[in-house]
Amino acid sequence: QVQLVESGGGLVQPGGSLRLSCAASRSISSFNVMGWYRQAPGKQRELVAIITSAAGTNYADSVKGRFTISRDNAKNTVYLRMNSLIPEDTAVYYCHARGFMVYWGQGTQVTVSS
């Protein structure tokens, strides 16, 4: 069993930045894809960004140019750098890992508000 623990969420003003971290309980090298999803109140969970084992990336159109996903295999951690945050980015952000099985973190709240 793999545990994914997110951190770095919080309250930020519009235009601000946050960096989310997802620490895995074991090596992330075996995961084909790791990523971030988010779920806003009353909405379905949606893809934010993914990164492959070869460091290829893909982003939702709504975050392109503002968010950057990265991974540090030595630290077993995936990051999501979020710049130019807007109120529509408010959601619970979940870490995701897919290899032989699929794993989810417990989520971290991001609130963008003045």
Protein backbone atom coordinates (compact mmCIF):
# COMPACT_ATOMS: atom_id res chain seq x y z
CA GLN A 1 0.00 0.00 0.00
CA VAL A 2 1.22 3.48 -0.87
CA GLN A 3 0.35 6.63 1.04
CA LEU A 4 0.30 10.02 -0.63
CA VAL A 5 0.36 13.02 1.69
CA GLU A 6 -0.38 16.48 0.33
CA SER A 7 0.68 19.73 1.94
CA GLY A 8 1.02 23.40 1.09
CA GLY A 9 -2.60 24.41 0.71
CA GLY A 10 -4.11 27.44 2.37
CA LEU A 11 -5.73 30.82 1.90
CA VAL A 12 -4.20 33.16 -0.64
CA GLN A 13 -5.27 36.41 -2.26
CA PRO A 14 -6.01 36.61 -5.99
CA GLY A 15 -2.77 36.95 -7.90
CA GLY A 16 -0.85 35.09 -5.25
CA SER A 17 1.11 31.86 -5.38
CA LEU A 18 1.26 28.54 -3.58
CA ARG A 19 3.32 25.39 -3.92
CA LEU A 20 1.67 22.08 -3.19
CA SER A 21 3.71 19.02 -2.30
CA CYS A 22 2.78 15.35 -2.49
CA ALA A 23 5.05 13.04 -0.55
CA ALA A 24 4.82 9.32 -1.29
CA SER A 25 5.57 6.59 1.25
CA ARG A 26 7.77 4.77 -1.25
CA SER A 27 9.67 5.35 -4.45
CA ILE A 28 7.70 7.17 -7.12
CA SER A 29 9.94 5.92 -9.90
CA SER A 30 7.61 3.00 -10.56
CA PHE A 31 4.57 5.18 -11.17
CA ASN A 32 3.82 5.74 -14.83
CA VAL A 33 1.93 8.91 -14.10
CA MET A 34 1.57 11.21 -11.14
CA GLY A 35 -0.61 14.23 -11.03
CA TRP A 36 -2.93 16.68 -9.36
CA TYR A 37 -6.69 16.81 -9.55
CA ARG A 38 -9.06 19.24 -7.88
CA GLN A 39 -12.68 19.31 -6.81
CA ALA A 40 -14.61 22.48 -6.15
CA PRO A 41 -17.87 22.46 -4.13
CA GLY A 42 -20.72 21.08 -6.22
CA LYS A 43 -18.44 20.13 -9.10
CA GLN A 44 -16.82 16.95 -10.34
CA ARG A 45 -13.18 16.20 -9.72
CA GLU A 46 -11.09 17.43 -12.63
CA LEU A 47 -7.57 16.98 -13.89
CA VAL A 48 -5.19 19.84 -13.17
CA ALA A 49 -1.80 18.53 -14.28
CA ILE A 50 0.04 15.26 -14.78
CA ILE A 51 3.67 14.27 -15.15
CA THR A 52 4.91 10.98 -16.55
CA SER A 53 7.87 8.86 -15.48
CA ALA A 54 9.72 10.39 -18.46
CA ALA A 55 8.89 13.88 -17.13
CA GLY A 56 6.37 14.63 -19.84
CA THR A 57 3.65 16.99 -18.66
CA ASN A 58 0.08 17.87 -19.49
CA TYR A 59 -2.14 20.61 -18.09
CA ALA A 60 -5.77 21.58 -18.04
CA ASP A 61 -6.39 24.53 -20.34
CA SER A 62 -7.57 26.60 -17.38
CA VAL A 63 -4.16 26.43 -15.67
CA LYS A 64 -1.74 26.46 -18.61
CA GLY A 65 0.88 29.14 -18.20
CA ARG A 66 0.09 29.58 -14.50
CA PHE A 67 0.76 26.16 -12.92
CA THR A 68 3.86 23.98 -13.15
CA ILE A 69 4.09 20.34 -12.12
CA SER A 70 7.42 18.75 -11.28
CA ARG A 71 8.77 15.65 -9.58
CA ASP A 72 11.79 14.86 -7.44
CA ASN A 73 12.36 11.12 -7.54
CA ALA A 74 15.10 11.34 -4.89
CA LYS A 75 12.59 12.83 -2.43
CA ASN A 76 9.63 10.75 -3.63
CA THR A 77 7.73 14.00 -4.03
CA VAL A 78 5.64 15.69 -6.70
CA TYR A 79 5.05 19.42 -6.65
CA LEU A 80 2.51 21.80 -8.11
CA ARG A 81 3.60 25.39 -8.34
CA MET A 82 0.57 27.66 -8.72
CA ASN A 83 1.01 31.28 -9.78
CA SER A 84 -1.46 34.03 -10.61
CA LEU A 85 -4.16 32.30 -8.62
CA ILE A 86 -7.77 33.28 -9.25
CA PRO A 87 -10.92 32.59 -7.19
CA GLU A 88 -11.92 29.86 -9.66
CA ASP A 89 -8.87 27.87 -8.51
CA THR A 90 -10.50 27.39 -5.11
CA ALA A 91 -10.89 23.65 -4.52
CA VAL A 92 -9.58 20.64 -2.68
CA TYR A 93 -6.47 19.48 -4.51
CA TYR A 94 -5.71 15.76 -4.62
CA CYS A 95 -2.49 14.00 -5.46
CA HIS A 96 -2.79 10.99 -7.77
CA ALA A 97 -0.41 8.19 -8.68
CA ARG A 98 -0.93 5.48 -11.26
CA GLY A 99 1.21 2.43 -11.70
CA PHE A 100 0.04 -1.13 -11.23
CA MET A 101 -2.66 0.39 -9.05
CA VAL A 102 -4.14 3.83 -8.56
CA TYR A 103 -3.59 5.84 -5.39
CA TRP A 104 -5.06 9.09 -4.08
CA GLY A 105 -4.06 11.43 -1.32
CA GLN A 106 -6.46 12.84 1.24
CA GLY A 107 -6.52 16.30 -0.34
CA THR A 108 -5.46 19.79 0.65
CA GLN A 109 -7.70 22.85 0.57
CA VAL A 110 -6.75 25.83 -1.58
CA THR A 111 -8.84 28.96 -1.15
CA VAL A 112 -8.28 32.03 -3.31
CA SER A 113 -10.09 35.01 -1.86
CA SER A 114 -9.55 38.62 -0.93
